[in-house]
N, C-alpha and C. Protein backbone atom coordinates (compact mmCIF):
# COMPACT_ATOMS: atom_id res chain seq x y z
N UNK A 1 11.45 -8.35 89.73
CA UNK A 1 11.24 -9.78 89.83
C UNK A 1 9.75 -10.05 89.84
N UNK A 2 9.35 -11.06 89.11
CA UNK A 2 7.94 -11.38 89.02
C UNK A 2 7.76 -12.87 89.31
N UNK A 3 6.93 -13.18 90.29
CA UNK A 3 6.63 -14.58 90.59
C UNK A 3 5.53 -15.07 89.65
N UNK A 4 5.54 -16.34 89.37
CA UNK A 4 4.59 -16.92 88.42
C UNK A 4 3.23 -17.16 89.06
N UNK A 5 2.25 -17.37 88.22
CA UNK A 5 0.91 -17.74 88.67
C UNK A 5 0.99 -19.07 89.43
N UNK A 6 1.87 -19.93 88.98
CA UNK A 6 2.04 -21.23 89.65
C UNK A 6 2.48 -21.04 91.10
N UNK A 7 3.36 -20.08 91.35
CA UNK A 7 3.79 -19.78 92.72
C UNK A 7 2.60 -19.34 93.57
N UNK A 8 1.81 -18.44 93.01
CA UNK A 8 0.63 -17.94 93.71
C UNK A 8 -0.35 -19.07 94.01
N UNK A 9 -0.64 -19.89 93.01
CA UNK A 9 -1.58 -20.99 93.19
C UNK A 9 -1.07 -22.01 94.20
N UNK A 10 0.23 -22.30 94.18
CA UNK A 10 0.80 -23.25 95.13
C UNK A 10 0.67 -22.70 96.56
N UNK A 11 0.96 -21.42 96.74
CA UNK A 11 0.83 -20.81 98.07
C UNK A 11 -0.63 -20.81 98.53
N UNK A 12 -1.55 -20.50 97.61
CA UNK A 12 -2.98 -20.53 97.96
C UNK A 12 -3.42 -21.93 98.35
N UNK A 13 -2.94 -22.93 97.61
CA UNK A 13 -3.31 -24.31 97.91
C UNK A 13 -2.83 -24.72 99.30
N UNK A 14 -1.59 -24.39 99.62
CA UNK A 14 -1.05 -24.74 100.93
C UNK A 14 -1.79 -23.99 102.03
N UNK A 15 -2.10 -22.72 101.80
CA UNK A 15 -2.87 -21.96 102.78
C UNK A 15 -4.25 -22.59 102.99
N UNK A 16 -4.89 -22.99 101.91
CA UNK A 16 -6.19 -23.66 102.02
C UNK A 16 -6.10 -24.97 102.80
N UNK A 17 -5.06 -25.75 102.52
CA UNK A 17 -4.86 -26.99 103.27
C UNK A 17 -4.55 -26.70 104.73
N UNK A 18 -3.80 -25.63 104.98
CA UNK A 18 -3.46 -25.25 106.36
C UNK A 18 -4.71 -24.87 107.14
N UNK A 19 -5.65 -24.21 106.49
CA UNK A 19 -6.90 -23.83 107.17
C UNK A 19 -7.70 -25.06 107.61
N UNK A 20 -7.57 -26.13 106.85
CA UNK A 20 -8.31 -27.36 107.17
C UNK A 20 -7.47 -28.35 107.97
N UNK A 21 -6.24 -28.01 108.26
CA UNK A 21 -5.34 -28.92 108.97
C UNK A 21 -5.87 -29.38 110.33
N UNK A 22 -6.44 -28.47 111.13
CA UNK A 22 -6.89 -28.89 112.47
C UNK A 22 -7.93 -30.01 112.47
N UNK A 23 -8.79 -30.09 111.46
CA UNK A 23 -9.82 -31.13 111.48
C UNK A 23 -9.30 -32.47 110.98
N UNK A 24 -8.11 -32.51 110.38
CA UNK A 24 -7.49 -33.77 109.99
C UNK A 24 -8.14 -34.49 108.82
N UNK A 25 -9.09 -33.86 108.17
CA UNK A 25 -9.77 -34.50 107.05
C UNK A 25 -9.15 -34.06 105.73
N UNK A 26 -9.06 -35.01 104.81
CA UNK A 26 -8.53 -34.71 103.48
C UNK A 26 -9.52 -33.84 102.73
N UNK A 27 -8.99 -32.94 101.95
CA UNK A 27 -9.80 -32.00 101.17
C UNK A 27 -9.77 -32.43 99.71
N UNK A 28 -10.94 -32.56 99.12
CA UNK A 28 -11.03 -32.93 97.71
C UNK A 28 -10.46 -31.82 96.84
N UNK A 29 -9.84 -32.20 95.74
CA UNK A 29 -9.23 -31.23 94.83
C UNK A 29 -10.26 -30.20 94.38
N UNK A 30 -11.45 -30.67 94.03
CA UNK A 30 -12.49 -29.77 93.54
C UNK A 30 -12.88 -28.73 94.60
N UNK A 31 -12.95 -29.17 95.85
CA UNK A 31 -13.32 -28.25 96.93
C UNK A 31 -12.22 -27.22 97.18
N UNK A 32 -10.98 -27.69 97.20
CA UNK A 32 -9.85 -26.79 97.39
C UNK A 32 -9.74 -25.80 96.23
N UNK A 33 -9.94 -26.30 95.03
CA UNK A 33 -9.87 -25.45 93.84
C UNK A 33 -10.93 -24.35 93.90
N UNK A 34 -12.15 -24.72 94.27
CA UNK A 34 -13.24 -23.74 94.35
C UNK A 34 -12.98 -22.74 95.47
N UNK A 35 -12.52 -23.23 96.60
CA UNK A 35 -12.26 -22.38 97.76
C UNK A 35 -11.16 -21.36 97.49
N UNK A 36 -10.14 -21.78 96.76
CA UNK A 36 -8.98 -20.91 96.51
C UNK A 36 -8.99 -20.27 95.12
N UNK A 37 -10.04 -20.52 94.37
CA UNK A 37 -10.19 -19.94 93.02
C UNK A 37 -9.00 -20.31 92.11
N UNK A 38 -8.73 -21.62 92.04
CA UNK A 38 -7.65 -22.17 91.23
C UNK A 38 -8.27 -23.18 90.26
N UNK A 39 -7.89 -23.17 89.00
CA UNK A 39 -8.40 -24.19 88.08
C UNK A 39 -8.04 -25.60 88.59
N UNK A 40 -9.02 -26.47 88.70
CA UNK A 40 -8.81 -27.80 89.30
C UNK A 40 -7.75 -28.62 88.56
N UNK A 41 -7.72 -28.56 87.24
CA UNK A 41 -6.73 -29.34 86.49
C UNK A 41 -5.31 -28.88 86.80
N UNK A 42 -5.13 -27.59 86.93
CA UNK A 42 -3.81 -27.04 87.26
C UNK A 42 -3.45 -27.36 88.71
N UNK A 43 -4.44 -27.32 89.58
CA UNK A 43 -4.21 -27.60 90.99
C UNK A 43 -3.70 -29.03 91.19
N UNK A 44 -4.22 -29.97 90.44
CA UNK A 44 -3.76 -31.36 90.55
C UNK A 44 -2.26 -31.44 90.28
N UNK A 45 -1.79 -30.76 89.25
CA UNK A 45 -0.36 -30.77 88.92
C UNK A 45 0.47 -30.17 90.06
N UNK A 46 -0.03 -29.09 90.62
CA UNK A 46 0.68 -28.43 91.72
C UNK A 46 0.71 -29.33 92.95
N UNK A 47 -0.40 -29.96 93.27
CA UNK A 47 -0.46 -30.84 94.43
C UNK A 47 0.48 -32.03 94.29
N UNK A 48 0.65 -32.53 93.08
CA UNK A 48 1.60 -33.62 92.85
C UNK A 48 3.02 -33.16 93.18
N UNK A 49 3.37 -31.95 92.78
CA UNK A 49 4.69 -31.41 93.09
C UNK A 49 4.85 -31.17 94.59
N UNK A 50 3.81 -30.65 95.24
CA UNK A 50 3.86 -30.42 96.68
C UNK A 50 3.99 -31.76 97.43
N UNK A 51 3.31 -32.76 96.93
CA UNK A 51 3.39 -34.10 97.53
C UNK A 51 4.80 -34.66 97.39
N UNK A 52 5.40 -34.51 96.21
CA UNK A 52 6.75 -35.02 95.97
C UNK A 52 7.78 -34.38 96.90
N UNK A 53 7.51 -33.15 97.34
CA UNK A 53 8.43 -32.43 98.23
C UNK A 53 8.07 -32.58 99.71
N UNK A 54 7.08 -33.41 100.01
CA UNK A 54 6.72 -33.67 101.41
C UNK A 54 5.94 -32.55 102.07
N UNK A 55 5.30 -31.71 101.28
CA UNK A 55 4.49 -30.63 101.84
C UNK A 55 3.04 -31.07 101.97
N UNK A 56 2.55 -31.81 101.00
CA UNK A 56 1.19 -32.32 101.03
C UNK A 56 1.24 -33.84 100.95
N UNK A 57 0.15 -34.46 101.33
CA UNK A 57 0.02 -35.91 101.14
C UNK A 57 -1.39 -36.20 100.68
N UNK A 58 -1.55 -37.33 100.03
CA UNK A 58 -2.87 -37.67 99.50
C UNK A 58 -3.44 -38.86 100.25
N UNK A 59 -4.76 -38.90 100.24
CA UNK A 59 -5.50 -40.01 100.85
C UNK A 59 -6.42 -40.56 99.78
N UNK A 60 -6.38 -41.86 99.59
CA UNK A 60 -7.22 -42.50 98.57
C UNK A 60 -8.58 -42.87 99.15
N UNK A 61 -9.50 -43.13 98.25
CA UNK A 61 -10.79 -43.64 98.65
C UNK A 61 -11.89 -42.60 98.65
N UNK A 62 -13.04 -43.03 99.14
CA UNK A 62 -14.25 -42.19 99.14
C UNK A 62 -14.04 -40.88 99.89
N UNK A 63 -13.35 -40.94 100.99
CA UNK A 63 -13.08 -39.75 101.80
C UNK A 63 -11.69 -39.18 101.47
N UNK A 64 -11.19 -39.49 100.29
CA UNK A 64 -9.85 -39.11 99.91
C UNK A 64 -9.72 -37.65 99.51
N UNK A 65 -8.49 -37.28 99.29
CA UNK A 65 -8.16 -35.92 98.90
C UNK A 65 -6.74 -35.61 99.34
N UNK A 66 -6.49 -34.35 99.64
CA UNK A 66 -5.16 -33.91 100.04
C UNK A 66 -5.20 -33.22 101.40
N UNK A 67 -4.09 -33.35 102.12
CA UNK A 67 -3.89 -32.59 103.35
C UNK A 67 -2.41 -32.32 103.52
N UNK A 68 -2.10 -31.48 104.47
CA UNK A 68 -0.70 -31.15 104.69
C UNK A 68 0.03 -32.35 105.27
N UNK A 69 1.27 -32.53 104.89
CA UNK A 69 2.09 -33.62 105.39
C UNK A 69 2.81 -33.22 106.69
N UNK A 70 2.86 -31.91 106.95
CA UNK A 70 3.52 -31.39 108.16
C UNK A 70 2.64 -30.31 108.77
N UNK A 71 2.99 -29.92 109.96
CA UNK A 71 2.29 -28.82 110.62
C UNK A 71 2.45 -27.53 109.82
N UNK A 72 1.44 -26.65 109.81
CA UNK A 72 1.58 -25.37 109.11
C UNK A 72 2.77 -24.55 109.61
N UNK A 73 3.14 -24.73 110.88
CA UNK A 73 4.28 -24.00 111.45
C UNK A 73 5.60 -24.51 110.89
N UNK A 74 5.60 -25.69 110.28
CA UNK A 74 6.83 -26.28 109.74
C UNK A 74 6.98 -26.06 108.24
N UNK A 75 6.02 -25.37 107.63
CA UNK A 75 6.06 -25.14 106.18
C UNK A 75 6.21 -23.64 105.94
N UNK A 76 7.25 -23.28 105.21
CA UNK A 76 7.49 -21.87 104.91
C UNK A 76 7.11 -21.57 103.46
N UNK A 77 7.00 -20.30 103.19
CA UNK A 77 6.74 -19.86 101.83
C UNK A 77 7.89 -20.28 100.91
N UNK A 78 9.11 -20.26 101.43
CA UNK A 78 10.27 -20.72 100.65
C UNK A 78 10.13 -22.19 100.29
N UNK A 79 9.64 -23.02 101.21
CA UNK A 79 9.43 -24.44 100.92
C UNK A 79 8.49 -24.62 99.73
N UNK A 80 7.42 -23.85 99.71
CA UNK A 80 6.43 -23.97 98.65
C UNK A 80 7.01 -23.49 97.32
N UNK A 81 7.71 -22.37 97.34
CA UNK A 81 8.32 -21.85 96.12
C UNK A 81 9.36 -22.82 95.56
N UNK A 82 10.16 -23.41 96.46
CA UNK A 82 11.15 -24.39 96.01
C UNK A 82 10.48 -25.63 95.43
N UNK A 83 9.35 -26.02 96.00
CA UNK A 83 8.64 -27.22 95.53
C UNK A 83 8.17 -27.07 94.09
N UNK A 84 7.79 -25.87 93.70
CA UNK A 84 7.26 -25.68 92.34
C UNK A 84 8.26 -25.07 91.37
N UNK A 85 9.36 -24.50 91.89
CA UNK A 85 10.32 -23.84 90.99
C UNK A 85 11.77 -24.23 91.20
N UNK A 86 12.07 -24.95 92.25
CA UNK A 86 13.48 -25.20 92.55
C UNK A 86 14.01 -24.06 93.39
N UNK A 87 15.05 -23.40 92.94
CA UNK A 87 15.63 -22.27 93.67
C UNK A 87 14.62 -21.13 93.78
N UNK A 88 14.53 -20.54 94.95
CA UNK A 88 13.57 -19.46 95.17
C UNK A 88 13.94 -18.22 94.36
N UNK A 89 15.20 -17.87 94.35
CA UNK A 89 15.67 -16.71 93.58
C UNK A 89 16.88 -17.15 92.78
N UNK A 90 16.83 -16.96 91.51
CA UNK A 90 17.95 -17.37 90.68
C UNK A 90 18.14 -16.37 89.55
N UNK A 91 19.37 -16.18 89.18
CA UNK A 91 19.71 -15.35 88.03
C UNK A 91 20.94 -15.96 87.36
N UNK A 92 20.99 -15.97 86.05
CA UNK A 92 22.16 -16.51 85.36
C UNK A 92 23.45 -15.80 85.75
N UNK A 93 23.35 -14.57 86.20
CA UNK A 93 24.54 -13.79 86.55
C UNK A 93 25.34 -14.44 87.69
N UNK A 94 24.67 -15.20 88.55
CA UNK A 94 25.36 -15.82 89.68
C UNK A 94 26.42 -16.84 89.21
N UNK A 95 26.23 -17.40 88.03
CA UNK A 95 27.18 -18.39 87.50
C UNK A 95 27.93 -17.89 86.27
N UNK A 96 27.77 -16.63 85.97
CA UNK A 96 28.40 -16.06 84.77
C UNK A 96 29.78 -15.52 85.12
N UNK A 97 30.83 -16.10 84.55
CA UNK A 97 32.18 -15.61 84.86
C UNK A 97 32.43 -14.18 84.34
N UNK A 98 31.60 -13.73 83.41
CA UNK A 98 31.77 -12.38 82.87
C UNK A 98 31.02 -11.32 83.67
N UNK A 99 30.24 -11.75 84.65
CA UNK A 99 29.51 -10.79 85.49
C UNK A 99 30.51 -10.08 86.42
N UNK A 100 30.37 -8.78 86.51
CA UNK A 100 31.26 -8.00 87.39
C UNK A 100 31.12 -8.50 88.83
N UNK A 101 32.23 -8.69 89.54
CA UNK A 101 32.19 -9.22 90.90
C UNK A 101 31.27 -8.43 91.85
N UNK A 102 31.31 -7.09 91.72
CA UNK A 102 30.46 -6.29 92.61
C UNK A 102 28.98 -6.50 92.31
N UNK A 103 28.65 -6.72 91.04
CA UNK A 103 27.26 -6.99 90.67
C UNK A 103 26.85 -8.39 91.11
N UNK A 104 27.77 -9.35 90.95
CA UNK A 104 27.49 -10.72 91.40
C UNK A 104 27.25 -10.72 92.90
N UNK A 105 28.03 -9.96 93.63
CA UNK A 105 27.86 -9.85 95.08
C UNK A 105 26.49 -9.25 95.41
N UNK A 106 26.07 -8.26 94.66
CA UNK A 106 24.75 -7.65 94.87
C UNK A 106 23.64 -8.68 94.63
N UNK A 107 23.78 -9.48 93.55
CA UNK A 107 22.78 -10.52 93.27
C UNK A 107 22.75 -11.55 94.40
N UNK A 108 23.91 -11.91 94.94
CA UNK A 108 23.98 -12.87 96.04
C UNK A 108 23.29 -12.32 97.29
N UNK A 109 23.50 -11.02 97.56
CA UNK A 109 22.85 -10.40 98.71
C UNK A 109 21.33 -10.39 98.53
N UNK A 110 20.90 -10.09 97.32
CA UNK A 110 19.47 -10.09 97.04
C UNK A 110 18.89 -11.51 97.18
N UNK A 111 19.62 -12.51 96.69
CA UNK A 111 19.18 -13.89 96.81
C UNK A 111 19.06 -14.29 98.28
N UNK A 112 20.05 -13.93 99.09
CA UNK A 112 20.03 -14.26 100.52
C UNK A 112 18.87 -13.56 101.23
N UNK A 113 18.61 -12.31 100.87
CA UNK A 113 17.51 -11.57 101.48
C UNK A 113 16.17 -12.20 101.12
N UNK A 114 16.01 -12.55 99.86
CA UNK A 114 14.76 -13.15 99.42
C UNK A 114 14.57 -14.50 100.08
N UNK A 115 15.60 -15.34 100.07
CA UNK A 115 15.54 -16.66 100.71
C UNK A 115 15.25 -16.52 102.20
N UNK A 116 15.92 -15.57 102.85
CA UNK A 116 15.71 -15.38 104.28
C UNK A 116 14.30 -14.94 104.61
N UNK A 117 13.77 -14.02 103.84
CA UNK A 117 12.41 -13.54 104.09
C UNK A 117 11.39 -14.63 103.81
N UNK A 118 11.49 -15.27 102.65
CA UNK A 118 10.54 -16.34 102.31
C UNK A 118 10.65 -17.50 103.29
N UNK A 119 11.84 -17.75 103.78
CA UNK A 119 12.05 -18.83 104.74
C UNK A 119 11.56 -18.51 106.14
N UNK A 120 11.30 -17.24 106.41
CA UNK A 120 10.84 -16.85 107.75
C UNK A 120 9.31 -16.75 107.84
N UNK A 121 8.63 -16.90 106.73
CA UNK A 121 7.16 -16.81 106.71
C UNK A 121 6.58 -18.21 106.71
N UNK A 122 5.95 -18.60 107.83
CA UNK A 122 5.32 -19.91 107.90
C UNK A 122 3.82 -19.78 107.62
N UNK A 123 3.23 -20.89 107.26
CA UNK A 123 1.79 -20.87 107.01
C UNK A 123 1.00 -20.75 108.31
N UNK A 124 1.62 -21.12 109.42
CA UNK A 124 0.98 -20.89 110.72
C UNK A 124 0.87 -19.39 110.98
N UNK A 125 1.91 -18.65 110.66
CA UNK A 125 1.87 -17.19 110.82
C UNK A 125 0.77 -16.59 109.96
N UNK A 126 0.64 -17.07 108.73
CA UNK A 126 -0.40 -16.55 107.84
C UNK A 126 -1.79 -16.85 108.40
N UNK A 127 -1.98 -18.04 108.97
CA UNK A 127 -3.26 -18.38 109.59
C UNK A 127 -3.55 -17.47 110.77
N UNK A 128 -2.53 -17.21 111.57
CA UNK A 128 -2.70 -16.34 112.74
C UNK A 128 -3.02 -14.91 112.32
N UNK A 129 -2.39 -14.43 111.26
CA UNK A 129 -2.70 -13.09 110.75
C UNK A 129 -4.14 -13.01 110.28
N UNK A 130 -4.60 -14.06 109.63
CA UNK A 130 -5.97 -14.11 109.15
C UNK A 130 -6.95 -14.13 110.31
N UNK A 131 -6.65 -14.91 111.35
CA UNK A 131 -7.52 -14.99 112.53
C UNK A 131 -7.57 -13.65 113.25
N UNK A 132 -6.43 -12.98 113.35
CA UNK A 132 -6.39 -11.67 114.01
C UNK A 132 -7.20 -10.65 113.23
N UNK A 133 -7.13 -10.72 111.92
CA UNK A 133 -7.88 -9.80 111.07
C UNK A 133 -9.38 -10.02 111.24
N UNK A 134 -9.80 -11.28 111.36
CA UNK A 134 -11.23 -11.59 111.53
C UNK A 134 -11.76 -11.08 112.87
N UNK A 135 -10.88 -10.97 113.87
CA UNK A 135 -11.30 -10.50 115.20
C UNK A 135 -11.43 -8.99 115.27
N UNK A 136 -10.87 -8.28 114.29
CA UNK A 136 -10.90 -6.82 114.30
C UNK A 136 -12.33 -6.32 114.08
N UNK A 137 -12.64 -5.27 114.78
CA UNK A 137 -13.94 -4.64 114.60
C UNK A 137 -13.77 -3.37 113.77
N UNK A 138 -14.63 -3.18 112.84
CA UNK A 138 -14.55 -2.01 111.99
C UNK A 138 -15.69 -1.06 112.32
N UNK A 139 -15.36 0.22 112.36
CA UNK A 139 -16.37 1.24 112.65
C UNK A 139 -16.73 1.97 111.39
């Protein structure tokens, strides 16, 4: 299974917004794009999708930009993947009447495992992992 560049960019965008969440200020698209190394034109499209799903919100005006619509602890990796792709894990075999039942069951188990794992990873956890890593001392 291979996730798209769009999935990666959407996750990076949300992580970037999560890092700025505590200060409550909207982040300009250009700044977020530069910080997360995402093409700004593509980021705008992703942010529109994230906004439509209630993950991000926009602020107009001179101090405008984007910020998270919810707490980082309330946003999972599965939420972000669903926002840009719909179903997190999908295969035509799940709806194929010619697929062997035992194989269909295996695909369902894989789908549940993927959904469960992606749904258990919050952006707050990712922020905490990053903070813990920064506190580590290297010899």
